[in-house]
Amino acid sequence: MLFRIHPKSKLKIRFDLIIILLSVYNAIVAPLEFAFPNLTFFAWLTVFNVCVDLAFLVDVFLTFRTSYYDDRIEEFITDNKAIAWNYMKGRFWVDVLASFPFDLLSIG
């Protein structure tokens, strides 16, 4: 059996806070990179952006392993299929689009 993550565990909460900070970073830096293409001249910025994209991708995979609370039956759902279905009909597509490395498409 694979691991499951409790949504209120300290590790999950810390990781979610990191994802929130990286989202704020993306909201500031992405428009700047679009407006000023010379910013990608800095190699460290490109490497950091790839790491941010990887963190978002890890978040997608971890969310598939994170149980959730169902208000209707008032208990945590730990069934893998139910977790996946709940995520797929929720914010999965937004997370996938957010984790897609669009900036790598322009390299070449």
N, C-alpha and C. Protein backbone atom coordinates (compact mmCIF):
# COMPACT_ATOMS: atom_id res chain seq x y z
N MET A 1 0.84 -1.18 0.00
CA MET A 1 0.00 0.00 0.00
C MET A 1 0.89 1.24 0.00
N LEU A 2 0.52 2.19 -0.82
CA LEU A 2 1.27 3.44 -0.89
C LEU A 2 0.86 4.36 0.24
N PHE A 3 1.69 5.35 0.47
CA PHE A 3 1.44 6.29 1.56
C PHE A 3 0.25 7.21 1.25
N ARG A 4 -0.35 7.71 2.31
CA ARG A 4 -1.37 8.74 2.21
C ARG A 4 -0.95 9.89 3.10
N ILE A 5 -1.35 11.08 2.71
CA ILE A 5 -1.00 12.27 3.46
C ILE A 5 -2.25 12.82 4.12
N HIS A 6 -2.15 13.10 5.38
CA HIS A 6 -3.27 13.75 6.08
C HIS A 6 -3.22 15.24 5.73
N PRO A 7 -4.35 15.82 5.36
CA PRO A 7 -4.33 17.21 4.91
C PRO A 7 -3.94 18.22 5.98
N LYS A 8 -4.00 17.82 7.24
CA LYS A 8 -3.63 18.75 8.31
C LYS A 8 -2.30 18.40 8.96
N SER A 9 -1.51 17.54 8.30
CA SER A 9 -0.21 17.22 8.85
C SER A 9 0.72 18.42 8.70
N LYS A 10 1.67 18.52 9.59
CA LYS A 10 2.60 19.66 9.58
C LYS A 10 3.37 19.72 8.26
N LEU A 11 3.80 18.57 7.77
CA LEU A 11 4.56 18.54 6.53
C LEU A 11 3.72 19.04 5.35
N LYS A 12 2.47 18.61 5.28
CA LYS A 12 1.58 19.05 4.20
C LYS A 12 1.30 20.55 4.29
N ILE A 13 1.08 21.05 5.48
CA ILE A 13 0.82 22.47 5.65
C ILE A 13 2.04 23.29 5.25
N ARG A 14 3.23 22.85 5.64
CA ARG A 14 4.46 23.56 5.26
C ARG A 14 4.66 23.53 3.75
N PHE A 15 4.41 22.37 3.15
CA PHE A 15 4.57 22.28 1.69
C PHE A 15 3.56 23.18 0.99
N ASP A 16 2.33 23.24 1.48
CA ASP A 16 1.32 24.12 0.89
C ASP A 16 1.73 25.59 1.01
N LEU A 17 2.33 25.96 2.13
CA LEU A 17 2.82 27.33 2.28
C LEU A 17 3.92 27.65 1.28
N ILE A 18 4.80 26.68 1.05
CA ILE A 18 5.86 26.88 0.04
C ILE A 18 5.23 27.04 -1.33
N ILE A 19 4.24 26.23 -1.65
CA ILE A 19 3.56 26.33 -2.95
C ILE A 19 2.89 27.70 -3.09
N ILE A 20 2.30 28.19 -2.01
CA ILE A 20 1.68 29.52 -2.06
C ILE A 20 2.73 30.59 -2.33
N LEU A 21 3.87 30.50 -1.64
CA LEU A 21 4.95 31.49 -1.88
C LEU A 21 5.48 31.40 -3.31
N LEU A 22 5.61 30.19 -3.82
CA LEU A 22 6.07 30.04 -5.21
C LEU A 22 5.03 30.56 -6.20
N SER A 23 3.77 30.45 -5.85
CA SER A 23 2.71 31.00 -6.71
C SER A 23 2.78 32.52 -6.74
N VAL A 24 3.03 33.12 -5.59
CA VAL A 24 3.20 34.59 -5.55
C VAL A 24 4.43 34.99 -6.37
N TYR A 25 5.51 34.24 -6.21
CA TYR A 25 6.71 34.49 -7.01
C TYR A 25 6.39 34.44 -8.50
N ASN A 26 5.67 33.39 -8.91
CA ASN A 26 5.29 33.25 -10.33
C ASN A 26 4.42 34.40 -10.80
N ALA A 27 3.51 34.84 -9.94
CA ALA A 27 2.61 35.94 -10.31
C ALA A 27 3.37 37.24 -10.53
N ILE A 28 4.50 37.39 -9.88
CA ILE A 28 5.32 38.61 -10.04
C ILE A 28 6.32 38.46 -11.18
N VAL A 29 7.02 37.33 -11.22
CA VAL A 29 8.13 37.17 -12.16
C VAL A 29 7.66 36.84 -13.58
N ALA A 30 6.61 36.05 -13.73
CA ALA A 30 6.17 35.66 -15.08
C ALA A 30 5.81 36.87 -15.95
N PRO A 31 5.03 37.83 -15.46
CA PRO A 31 4.77 39.00 -16.30
C PRO A 31 6.03 39.82 -16.60
N LEU A 32 6.95 39.88 -15.62
CA LEU A 32 8.20 40.60 -15.86
C LEU A 32 9.03 39.92 -16.94
N GLU A 33 9.08 38.60 -16.90
CA GLU A 33 9.83 37.87 -17.94
C GLU A 33 9.20 38.05 -19.31
N PHE A 34 7.88 38.14 -19.34
CA PHE A 34 7.20 38.35 -20.61
C PHE A 34 7.45 39.77 -21.14
N ALA A 35 7.43 40.74 -20.24
CA ALA A 35 7.64 42.13 -20.64
C ALA A 35 9.09 42.43 -20.96
N PHE A 36 10.00 41.78 -20.25
CA PHE A 36 11.43 42.01 -20.45
C PHE A 36 12.11 40.67 -20.73
N PRO A 37 12.15 40.23 -21.98
CA PRO A 37 12.72 38.91 -22.30
C PRO A 37 14.18 38.76 -21.92
N ASN A 38 14.89 39.85 -21.74
CA ASN A 38 16.31 39.76 -21.38
C ASN A 38 16.52 39.26 -19.96
N LEU A 39 15.47 39.20 -19.15
CA LEU A 39 15.61 38.66 -17.80
C LEU A 39 16.01 37.20 -17.82
N THR A 40 15.62 36.48 -18.87
CA THR A 40 15.98 35.06 -18.94
C THR A 40 17.47 34.89 -19.25
N PHE A 41 18.17 36.00 -19.44
CA PHE A 41 19.62 35.95 -19.64
C PHE A 41 20.31 35.42 -18.39
N PHE A 42 19.72 35.68 -17.24
CA PHE A 42 20.29 35.20 -15.99
C PHE A 42 20.02 33.71 -15.86
N ALA A 43 21.09 32.93 -15.86
CA ALA A 43 20.95 31.46 -15.82
C ALA A 43 20.29 30.99 -14.53
N TRP A 44 20.59 31.64 -13.42
CA TRP A 44 20.02 31.22 -12.14
C TRP A 44 18.51 31.38 -12.13
N LEU A 45 18.01 32.39 -12.85
CA LEU A 45 16.57 32.61 -12.91
C LEU A 45 15.88 31.48 -13.66
N THR A 46 16.51 31.05 -14.75
CA THR A 46 15.97 29.93 -15.52
C THR A 46 15.97 28.65 -14.70
N VAL A 47 17.06 28.40 -14.00
CA VAL A 47 17.15 27.19 -13.17
C VAL A 47 16.12 27.25 -12.04
N PHE A 48 15.97 28.40 -11.41
CA PHE A 48 14.98 28.52 -10.33
C PHE A 48 13.57 28.33 -10.86
N ASN A 49 13.29 28.86 -12.05
CA ASN A 49 11.96 28.69 -12.63
C ASN A 49 11.65 27.23 -12.93
N VAL A 50 12.64 26.49 -13.35
CA VAL A 50 12.45 25.04 -13.58
C VAL A 50 12.17 24.35 -12.25
N CYS A 51 12.87 24.75 -11.19
CA CYS A 51 12.62 24.17 -9.87
C CYS A 51 11.21 24.50 -9.39
N VAL A 52 10.74 25.71 -9.66
CA VAL A 52 9.38 26.09 -9.29
C VAL A 52 8.37 25.22 -10.04
N ASP A 53 8.59 25.03 -11.33
CA ASP A 53 7.69 24.17 -12.11
C ASP A 53 7.69 22.74 -11.58
N LEU A 54 8.86 22.24 -11.19
CA LEU A 54 8.93 20.90 -10.61
C LEU A 54 8.20 20.82 -9.28
N ALA A 55 8.28 21.88 -8.48
CA ALA A 55 7.56 21.89 -7.20
C ALA A 55 6.06 21.84 -7.44
N PHE A 56 5.57 22.55 -8.45
CA PHE A 56 4.14 22.49 -8.78
C PHE A 56 3.75 21.10 -9.25
N LEU A 57 4.63 20.45 -10.01
CA LEU A 57 4.35 19.09 -10.47
C LEU A 57 4.33 18.11 -9.30
N VAL A 58 5.24 18.27 -8.36
CA VAL A 58 5.24 17.44 -7.16
C VAL A 58 3.95 17.65 -6.38
N ASP A 59 3.48 18.88 -6.34
CA ASP A 59 2.22 19.18 -5.65
C ASP A 59 1.06 18.42 -6.28
N VAL A 60 1.05 18.31 -7.60
CA VAL A 60 -0.01 17.55 -8.27
C VAL A 60 0.02 16.10 -7.82
N PHE A 61 1.19 15.50 -7.81
CA PHE A 61 1.30 14.10 -7.40
C PHE A 61 0.97 13.91 -5.92
N LEU A 62 1.39 14.84 -5.07
CA LEU A 62 1.09 14.71 -3.64
C LEU A 62 -0.41 14.88 -3.37
N THR A 63 -1.07 15.70 -4.16
CA THR A 63 -2.50 15.90 -3.96
C THR A 63 -3.27 14.62 -4.27
N PHE A 64 -2.77 13.81 -5.19
CA PHE A 64 -3.39 12.51 -5.45
C PHE A 64 -3.25 11.56 -4.26
N ARG A 65 -2.33 11.84 -3.37
CA ARG A 65 -2.09 10.99 -2.21
C ARG A 65 -2.62 11.61 -0.92
N THR A 66 -3.30 12.76 -1.02
CA THR A 66 -3.78 13.46 0.17
C THR A 66 -5.25 13.17 0.41
N SER A 67 -5.55 12.64 1.58
CA SER A 67 -6.95 12.38 1.92
C SER A 67 -7.68 13.71 2.07
N TYR A 68 -9.00 13.64 2.07
CA TYR A 68 -9.80 14.86 2.21
C TYR A 68 -11.00 14.58 3.10
N TYR A 69 -11.57 15.64 3.62
CA TYR A 69 -12.72 15.53 4.52
C TYR A 69 -14.00 15.72 3.72
N ASP A 70 -14.90 14.75 3.84
CA ASP A 70 -16.19 14.83 3.17
C ASP A 70 -17.23 15.29 4.18
N ASP A 71 -17.78 16.48 3.93
CA ASP A 71 -18.75 17.06 4.86
C ASP A 71 -20.06 16.27 4.92
N ARG A 72 -20.43 15.62 3.83
CA ARG A 72 -21.70 14.89 3.80
C ARG A 72 -21.71 13.73 4.78
N ILE A 73 -20.62 12.98 4.82
CA ILE A 73 -20.56 11.83 5.72
C ILE A 73 -19.71 12.10 6.96
N GLU A 74 -19.13 13.28 7.03
CA GLU A 74 -18.34 13.75 8.16
C GLU A 74 -17.21 12.81 8.54
N GLU A 75 -16.38 12.47 7.56
CA GLU A 75 -15.18 11.68 7.82
C GLU A 75 -14.16 11.92 6.72
N PHE A 76 -12.93 11.53 7.02
CA PHE A 76 -11.85 11.66 6.04
C PHE A 76 -11.94 10.51 5.04
N ILE A 77 -11.78 10.84 3.79
CA ILE A 77 -11.79 9.85 2.72
C ILE A 77 -10.35 9.46 2.44
N THR A 78 -10.09 8.16 2.54
CA THR A 78 -8.73 7.65 2.32
C THR A 78 -8.65 6.68 1.15
N ASP A 79 -9.76 6.44 0.50
CA ASP A 79 -9.77 5.53 -0.65
C ASP A 79 -9.09 6.23 -1.83
N ASN A 80 -8.12 5.53 -2.45
CA ASN A 80 -7.33 6.12 -3.53
C ASN A 80 -8.19 6.58 -4.70
N LYS A 81 -9.15 5.76 -5.10
CA LYS A 81 -10.01 6.13 -6.24
C LYS A 81 -10.88 7.33 -5.91
N ALA A 82 -11.40 7.38 -4.70
CA ALA A 82 -12.23 8.52 -4.30
C ALA A 82 -11.41 9.80 -4.22
N ILE A 83 -10.18 9.70 -3.73
CA ILE A 83 -9.29 10.86 -3.67
C ILE A 83 -9.00 11.35 -5.08
N ALA A 84 -8.65 10.43 -5.96
CA ALA A 84 -8.33 10.81 -7.35
C ALA A 84 -9.54 11.43 -8.04
N TRP A 85 -10.70 10.83 -7.88
CA TRP A 85 -11.90 11.35 -8.53
C TRP A 85 -12.25 12.75 -8.01
N ASN A 86 -12.15 12.94 -6.71
CA ASN A 86 -12.43 14.23 -6.12
C ASN A 86 -11.47 15.30 -6.66
N TYR A 87 -10.21 14.96 -6.78
CA TYR A 87 -9.20 15.89 -7.30
C TYR A 87 -9.42 16.17 -8.78
N MET A 88 -9.73 15.12 -9.54
CA MET A 88 -9.93 15.28 -10.99
C MET A 88 -11.13 16.17 -11.31
N LYS A 89 -12.18 16.08 -10.52
CA LYS A 89 -13.35 16.91 -10.80
C LYS A 89 -13.24 18.28 -10.14
N GLY A 90 -12.15 18.50 -9.42
CA GLY A 90 -11.92 19.78 -8.76
C GLY A 90 -10.87 20.61 -9.48
N ARG A 91 -9.78 20.85 -8.80
CA ARG A 91 -8.77 21.78 -9.31
C ARG A 91 -7.61 21.12 -10.05
N PHE A 92 -7.74 19.87 -10.40
CA PHE A 92 -6.66 19.15 -11.08
C PHE A 92 -6.18 19.87 -12.33
N TRP A 93 -7.10 20.27 -13.19
CA TRP A 93 -6.71 20.87 -14.47
C TRP A 93 -6.03 22.23 -14.27
N VAL A 94 -6.44 22.96 -13.28
CA VAL A 94 -5.78 24.23 -12.97
C VAL A 94 -4.35 23.95 -12.50
N ASP A 95 -4.18 22.95 -11.64
CA ASP A 95 -2.85 22.60 -11.15
C ASP A 95 -1.94 22.11 -12.27
N VAL A 96 -2.47 21.32 -13.19
CA VAL A 96 -1.66 20.81 -14.30
C VAL A 96 -1.21 21.97 -15.20
N LEU A 97 -2.13 22.87 -15.50
CA LEU A 97 -1.75 24.03 -16.32
C LEU A 97 -0.74 24.90 -15.60
N ALA A 98 -0.87 25.04 -14.29
CA ALA A 98 0.08 25.86 -13.53
C ALA A 98 1.46 25.21 -13.48
N SER A 99 1.51 23.89 -13.53
CA SER A 99 2.80 23.22 -13.43
C SER A 99 3.45 22.99 -14.79
N PHE A 100 2.74 23.28 -15.86
CA PHE A 100 3.31 23.07 -17.20
C PHE A 100 4.38 24.12 -17.47
N PRO A 101 5.58 23.71 -17.88
CA PRO A 101 6.69 24.66 -18.09
C PRO A 101 6.58 25.38 -19.44
N PHE A 102 5.70 26.34 -19.52
CA PHE A 102 5.51 27.09 -20.78
C PHE A 102 6.78 27.82 -21.21
N ASP A 103 7.58 28.26 -20.24
CA ASP A 103 8.80 29.00 -20.61
C ASP A 103 9.80 28.11 -21.33
N LEU A 104 9.74 26.79 -21.12
CA LEU A 104 10.65 25.90 -21.83
C LEU A 104 10.28 25.73 -23.30
N LEU A 105 9.03 26.05 -23.65
CA LEU A 105 8.62 25.96 -25.05
C LEU A 105 9.31 27.01 -25.91
N SER A 106 9.69 28.13 -25.31
CA SER A 106 10.31 29.21 -26.07
C SER A 106 11.81 29.03 -26.23
N ILE A 107 12.40 28.07 -25.51
CA ILE A 107 13.83 27.82 -25.64
C ILE A 107 14.09 27.07 -26.94
N GLY A 108 15.03 27.53 -27.67
CA GLY A 108 15.33 26.79 -28.89
C GLY A 108 15.82 27.69 -29.92
